[in-house]
Amino acid sequence: MSLSSILSADAIDSAIKDCQAPDSFCPKKFFQICGLTKKSPQDVKKVFGILDNDASGFIEEDELKFFLQRFVPGARVLTDKETKAFLSAADDDSDGKIGAEEFQAMVLS
């Protein structure tokens, strides 16, 4: 399954263009622009599964760094500052990784 089977390619492109400059990525804004915030909890979990590159059940910091590239292969890598901010915003239990429920809560809240 690909992200474009859940989200429109145009919406993904708009979201990527919005955060092209280093340190301009805001997860909440990205999720709104790409249309993920309007999707069902089931679709959000499917997206989580795609983003969980190693299928560990969590999105770790090294996977977050390449977050934008999971949407568009040529997109930039997140800066360390953006990666850490994203992780701290979603990691409710402070275990250093984002679980499916934490991801869903961040996207849909």
N, C-alpha and C. Protein backbone atom coordinates (compact mmCIF):
# COMPACT_ATOMS: atom_id res chain seq x y z
N MET A 1 0.85 -1.19 0.00
CA MET A 1 0.00 0.00 0.00
C MET A 1 0.89 1.25 0.00
N SER A 2 0.45 2.24 -0.75
CA SER A 2 1.21 3.49 -0.79
C SER A 2 0.40 4.62 -0.17
N LEU A 3 1.10 5.67 0.21
CA LEU A 3 0.42 6.82 0.80
C LEU A 3 -0.55 7.45 -0.17
N SER A 4 -0.25 7.39 -1.48
CA SER A 4 -1.14 8.00 -2.47
C SER A 4 -2.43 7.21 -2.67
N SER A 5 -2.52 6.01 -2.07
CA SER A 5 -3.79 5.28 -2.12
C SER A 5 -4.72 5.78 -1.01
N ILE A 6 -4.18 6.54 -0.06
CA ILE A 6 -4.97 7.09 1.05
C ILE A 6 -5.14 8.60 0.91
N LEU A 7 -4.07 9.27 0.49
CA LEU A 7 -4.07 10.73 0.35
C LEU A 7 -3.89 11.10 -1.12
N SER A 8 -4.45 12.23 -1.53
CA SER A 8 -4.29 12.63 -2.94
C SER A 8 -2.87 13.12 -3.19
N ALA A 9 -2.38 12.82 -4.40
CA ALA A 9 -1.03 13.24 -4.78
C ALA A 9 -0.89 14.76 -4.73
N ASP A 10 -1.94 15.48 -5.14
CA ASP A 10 -1.89 16.95 -5.11
C ASP A 10 -1.75 17.47 -3.68
N ALA A 11 -2.49 16.87 -2.75
CA ALA A 11 -2.42 17.30 -1.34
C ALA A 11 -1.04 16.99 -0.76
N ILE A 12 -0.49 15.84 -1.11
CA ILE A 12 0.86 15.50 -0.64
C ILE A 12 1.86 16.51 -1.18
N ASP A 13 1.77 16.82 -2.47
CA ASP A 13 2.69 17.80 -3.08
C ASP A 13 2.59 19.16 -2.39
N SER A 14 1.37 19.60 -2.10
CA SER A 14 1.17 20.88 -1.42
C SER A 14 1.82 20.87 -0.04
N ALA A 15 1.65 19.78 0.68
CA ALA A 15 2.22 19.68 2.03
C ALA A 15 3.75 19.69 1.99
N ILE A 16 4.32 18.99 1.01
CA ILE A 16 5.78 18.96 0.87
C ILE A 16 6.32 20.34 0.49
N LYS A 17 5.63 21.03 -0.42
CA LYS A 17 6.07 22.37 -0.85
C LYS A 17 6.03 23.36 0.31
N ASP A 18 5.06 23.17 1.21
CA ASP A 18 4.91 24.10 2.34
C ASP A 18 6.10 24.05 3.29
N CYS A 19 6.83 22.95 3.31
CA CYS A 19 7.93 22.84 4.28
C CYS A 19 9.27 22.53 3.60
N GLN A 20 9.48 23.11 2.43
CA GLN A 20 10.75 22.88 1.70
C GLN A 20 11.96 23.48 2.39
N ALA A 21 11.78 24.62 3.03
CA ALA A 21 12.92 25.28 3.69
C ALA A 21 13.29 24.53 4.97
N PRO A 22 14.59 24.39 5.25
CA PRO A 22 15.01 23.75 6.49
C PRO A 22 14.38 24.44 7.71
N ASP A 23 14.00 23.65 8.68
CA ASP A 23 13.39 24.11 9.93
C ASP A 23 12.02 24.77 9.74
N SER A 24 11.33 24.46 8.63
CA SER A 24 9.99 25.00 8.40
C SER A 24 8.90 23.94 8.58
N PHE A 25 9.30 22.70 8.90
CA PHE A 25 8.34 21.60 9.03
C PHE A 25 7.58 21.68 10.35
N CYS A 26 6.26 21.63 10.25
CA CYS A 26 5.38 21.59 11.43
C CYS A 26 4.45 20.39 11.22
N PRO A 27 4.57 19.34 12.04
CA PRO A 27 3.77 18.13 11.82
C PRO A 27 2.28 18.39 11.70
N LYS A 28 1.72 19.16 12.62
CA LYS A 28 0.27 19.42 12.62
C LYS A 28 -0.17 20.08 11.30
N LYS A 29 0.59 21.08 10.87
CA LYS A 29 0.27 21.78 9.63
C LYS A 29 0.40 20.84 8.44
N PHE A 30 1.45 20.02 8.44
CA PHE A 30 1.67 19.05 7.37
C PHE A 30 0.49 18.09 7.27
N PHE A 31 0.05 17.57 8.41
CA PHE A 31 -1.08 16.62 8.41
C PHE A 31 -2.36 17.27 7.90
N GLN A 32 -2.54 18.55 8.22
CA GLN A 32 -3.73 19.27 7.73
C GLN A 32 -3.67 19.47 6.22
N ILE A 33 -2.53 19.94 5.73
CA ILE A 33 -2.41 20.23 4.29
C ILE A 33 -2.53 18.96 3.45
N CYS A 34 -1.92 17.86 3.90
CA CYS A 34 -1.96 16.63 3.10
C CYS A 34 -3.30 15.91 3.22
N GLY A 35 -4.16 16.38 4.14
CA GLY A 35 -5.50 15.80 4.26
C GLY A 35 -5.62 14.67 5.26
N LEU A 36 -4.55 14.35 5.96
CA LEU A 36 -4.58 13.23 6.89
C LEU A 36 -5.52 13.48 8.07
N THR A 37 -5.66 14.74 8.49
CA THR A 37 -6.51 15.04 9.64
C THR A 37 -7.99 14.78 9.35
N LYS A 38 -8.35 14.66 8.07
CA LYS A 38 -9.75 14.41 7.70
C LYS A 38 -10.02 12.93 7.47
N LYS A 39 -9.01 12.09 7.64
CA LYS A 39 -9.15 10.66 7.39
C LYS A 39 -9.65 9.93 8.64
N SER A 40 -10.13 8.71 8.44
CA SER A 40 -10.62 7.89 9.55
C SER A 40 -9.45 7.38 10.39
N PRO A 41 -9.73 7.01 11.65
CA PRO A 41 -8.67 6.42 12.48
C PRO A 41 -8.02 5.20 11.81
N GLN A 42 -8.80 4.43 11.06
CA GLN A 42 -8.25 3.26 10.37
C GLN A 42 -7.23 3.69 9.30
N ASP A 43 -7.58 4.75 8.54
CA ASP A 43 -6.65 5.24 7.52
C ASP A 43 -5.39 5.81 8.15
N VAL A 44 -5.54 6.49 9.28
CA VAL A 44 -4.37 7.05 9.98
C VAL A 44 -3.45 5.90 10.42
N LYS A 45 -4.04 4.80 10.89
CA LYS A 45 -3.22 3.64 11.28
C LYS A 45 -2.52 3.02 10.07
N LYS A 46 -3.19 3.02 8.92
CA LYS A 46 -2.55 2.50 7.70
C LYS A 46 -1.34 3.37 7.34
N VAL A 47 -1.50 4.69 7.45
CA VAL A 47 -0.40 5.61 7.17
C VAL A 47 0.75 5.35 8.15
N PHE A 48 0.41 5.15 9.42
CA PHE A 48 1.43 4.83 10.42
C PHE A 48 2.22 3.59 9.99
N GLY A 49 1.51 2.57 9.54
CA GLY A 49 2.17 1.33 9.11
C GLY A 49 3.14 1.55 7.96
N ILE A 50 2.79 2.47 7.06
CA ILE A 50 3.67 2.79 5.92
C ILE A 50 4.90 3.56 6.42
N LEU A 51 4.68 4.47 7.37
CA LEU A 51 5.79 5.29 7.89
C LEU A 51 6.72 4.50 8.80
N ASP A 52 6.21 3.42 9.41
CA ASP A 52 7.01 2.55 10.28
C ASP A 52 7.84 1.65 9.38
N ASN A 53 8.93 2.20 8.88
CA ASN A 53 9.74 1.56 7.84
C ASN A 53 10.24 0.16 8.20
N ASP A 54 10.61 -0.05 9.47
CA ASP A 54 11.16 -1.35 9.86
C ASP A 54 10.10 -2.27 10.48
N ALA A 55 8.82 -1.86 10.43
CA ALA A 55 7.69 -2.65 10.94
C ALA A 55 7.87 -3.06 12.40
N SER A 56 8.45 -2.17 13.20
CA SER A 56 8.68 -2.46 14.62
C SER A 56 7.46 -2.14 15.48
N GLY A 57 6.48 -1.46 14.89
CA GLY A 57 5.32 -1.02 15.67
C GLY A 57 5.52 0.38 16.23
N PHE A 58 6.65 0.97 15.92
CA PHE A 58 6.98 2.32 16.38
C PHE A 58 7.68 3.08 15.26
N ILE A 59 7.55 4.42 15.29
CA ILE A 59 8.35 5.26 14.41
C ILE A 59 9.45 5.85 15.29
N GLU A 60 10.68 5.42 15.03
CA GLU A 60 11.81 5.87 15.81
C GLU A 60 12.41 7.13 15.20
N GLU A 61 13.33 7.74 15.94
CA GLU A 61 13.93 9.01 15.51
C GLU A 61 14.59 8.90 14.13
N ASP A 62 15.27 7.79 13.86
CA ASP A 62 15.94 7.66 12.56
C ASP A 62 14.93 7.53 11.42
N GLU A 63 13.74 6.98 11.69
CA GLU A 63 12.69 6.92 10.67
C GLU A 63 12.05 8.30 10.47
N LEU A 64 11.91 9.06 11.57
CA LEU A 64 11.33 10.39 11.49
C LEU A 64 12.15 11.32 10.61
N LYS A 65 13.46 11.18 10.68
CA LYS A 65 14.35 12.03 9.88
C LYS A 65 13.98 11.97 8.39
N PHE A 66 13.55 10.79 7.93
CA PHE A 66 13.22 10.58 6.52
C PHE A 66 11.71 10.62 6.26
N PHE A 67 10.97 11.20 7.21
CA PHE A 67 9.51 11.27 7.16
C PHE A 67 8.98 11.81 5.84
N LEU A 68 9.51 12.96 5.38
CA LEU A 68 9.01 13.58 4.15
C LEU A 68 9.29 12.71 2.93
N GLN A 69 10.39 11.97 2.95
CA GLN A 69 10.74 11.11 1.83
C GLN A 69 9.81 9.91 1.71
N ARG A 70 9.11 9.56 2.77
CA ARG A 70 8.12 8.48 2.70
C ARG A 70 6.90 8.95 1.90
N PHE A 71 6.69 10.26 1.84
CA PHE A 71 5.61 10.84 1.05
C PHE A 71 6.04 11.09 -0.38
N VAL A 72 7.23 11.68 -0.55
CA VAL A 72 7.78 11.97 -1.87
C VAL A 72 9.27 11.63 -1.83
N PRO A 73 9.70 10.64 -2.63
CA PRO A 73 11.08 10.17 -2.56
C PRO A 73 12.15 11.27 -2.67
N GLY A 74 11.93 12.32 -3.43
CA GLY A 74 12.94 13.36 -3.59
C GLY A 74 12.89 14.47 -2.55
N ALA A 75 12.00 14.33 -1.56
CA ALA A 75 11.85 15.38 -0.54
C ALA A 75 13.09 15.45 0.35
N ARG A 76 13.21 16.55 1.07
CA ARG A 76 14.38 16.74 1.92
C ARG A 76 14.27 15.90 3.21
N VAL A 77 15.41 15.74 3.86
CA VAL A 77 15.48 15.07 5.16
C VAL A 77 15.16 16.13 6.22
N LEU A 78 14.45 15.74 7.27
CA LEU A 78 14.17 16.69 8.36
C LEU A 78 15.48 17.03 9.09
N THR A 79 15.58 18.26 9.55
CA THR A 79 16.76 18.65 10.34
C THR A 79 16.67 17.97 11.71
N ASP A 80 17.79 17.95 12.43
CA ASP A 80 17.79 17.36 13.77
C ASP A 80 16.79 18.09 14.67
N LYS A 81 16.73 19.41 14.52
CA LYS A 81 15.81 20.22 15.33
C LYS A 81 14.35 19.82 15.04
N GLU A 82 14.01 19.68 13.76
CA GLU A 82 12.65 19.29 13.38
C GLU A 82 12.32 17.88 13.85
N THR A 83 13.29 16.98 13.70
CA THR A 83 13.08 15.59 14.11
C THR A 83 12.80 15.51 15.60
N LYS A 84 13.62 16.20 16.40
CA LYS A 84 13.44 16.17 17.85
C LYS A 84 12.13 16.84 18.27
N ALA A 85 11.75 17.92 17.62
CA ALA A 85 10.50 18.61 17.93
C ALA A 85 9.30 17.72 17.60
N PHE A 86 9.35 17.03 16.46
CA PHE A 86 8.29 16.12 16.03
C PHE A 86 8.17 14.99 17.06
N LEU A 87 9.30 14.41 17.43
CA LEU A 87 9.30 13.31 18.39
C LEU A 87 8.72 13.75 19.74
N SER A 88 9.15 14.89 20.24
CA SER A 88 8.67 15.32 21.55
C SER A 88 7.18 15.71 21.51
N ALA A 89 6.71 16.18 20.36
CA ALA A 89 5.30 16.55 20.24
C ALA A 89 4.38 15.32 20.24
N ALA A 90 4.87 14.20 19.73
CA ALA A 90 4.03 13.01 19.60
C ALA A 90 4.28 11.95 20.65
N ASP A 91 5.46 11.94 21.25
CA ASP A 91 5.87 10.88 22.18
C ASP A 91 5.31 11.13 23.58
N ASP A 92 4.04 10.76 23.77
CA ASP A 92 3.36 11.04 25.04
C ASP A 92 3.94 10.31 26.24
N ASP A 93 4.46 9.10 26.03
CA ASP A 93 4.99 8.33 27.16
C ASP A 93 6.51 8.45 27.32
N SER A 94 7.13 9.33 26.55
CA SER A 94 8.56 9.64 26.64
C SER A 94 9.47 8.42 26.53
N ASP A 95 9.11 7.48 25.65
CA ASP A 95 9.96 6.30 25.47
C ASP A 95 10.91 6.47 24.28
N GLY A 96 10.92 7.66 23.67
CA GLY A 96 11.85 7.94 22.59
C GLY A 96 11.41 7.46 21.22
N LYS A 97 10.15 7.05 21.11
CA LYS A 97 9.61 6.60 19.83
C LYS A 97 8.10 6.86 19.82
N ILE A 98 7.51 6.83 18.63
CA ILE A 98 6.09 7.13 18.47
C ILE A 98 5.34 5.85 18.14
N GLY A 99 4.40 5.49 19.01
CA GLY A 99 3.56 4.32 18.77
C GLY A 99 2.36 4.70 17.92
N ALA A 100 1.62 3.70 17.45
CA ALA A 100 0.46 3.94 16.59
C ALA A 100 -0.58 4.83 17.26
N GLU A 101 -0.85 4.59 18.54
CA GLU A 101 -1.85 5.40 19.25
C GLU A 101 -1.38 6.85 19.42
N GLU A 102 -0.09 7.02 19.69
CA GLU A 102 0.47 8.37 19.83
C GLU A 102 0.38 9.12 18.50
N PHE A 103 0.69 8.41 17.40
CA PHE A 103 0.63 9.02 16.08
C PHE A 103 -0.81 9.43 15.77
N GLN A 104 -1.73 8.52 16.04
CA GLN A 104 -3.15 8.79 15.77
C GLN A 104 -3.63 9.98 16.60
N ALA A 105 -3.25 10.04 17.86
CA ALA A 105 -3.65 11.14 18.73
C ALA A 105 -3.12 12.47 18.21
N MET A 106 -1.89 12.48 17.72
CA MET A 106 -1.30 13.71 17.20
C MET A 106 -2.01 14.16 15.93
N VAL A 107 -2.29 13.23 15.04
CA VAL A 107 -2.92 13.57 13.76
C VAL A 107 -4.36 14.02 13.95
N LEU A 108 -5.11 13.32 14.78
CA LEU A 108 -6.55 13.56 14.86
C LEU A 108 -6.97 14.52 15.97
N SER A 109 -6.02 15.04 16.73
CA SER A 109 -6.42 15.97 17.81
C SER A 109 -6.37 17.41 17.36
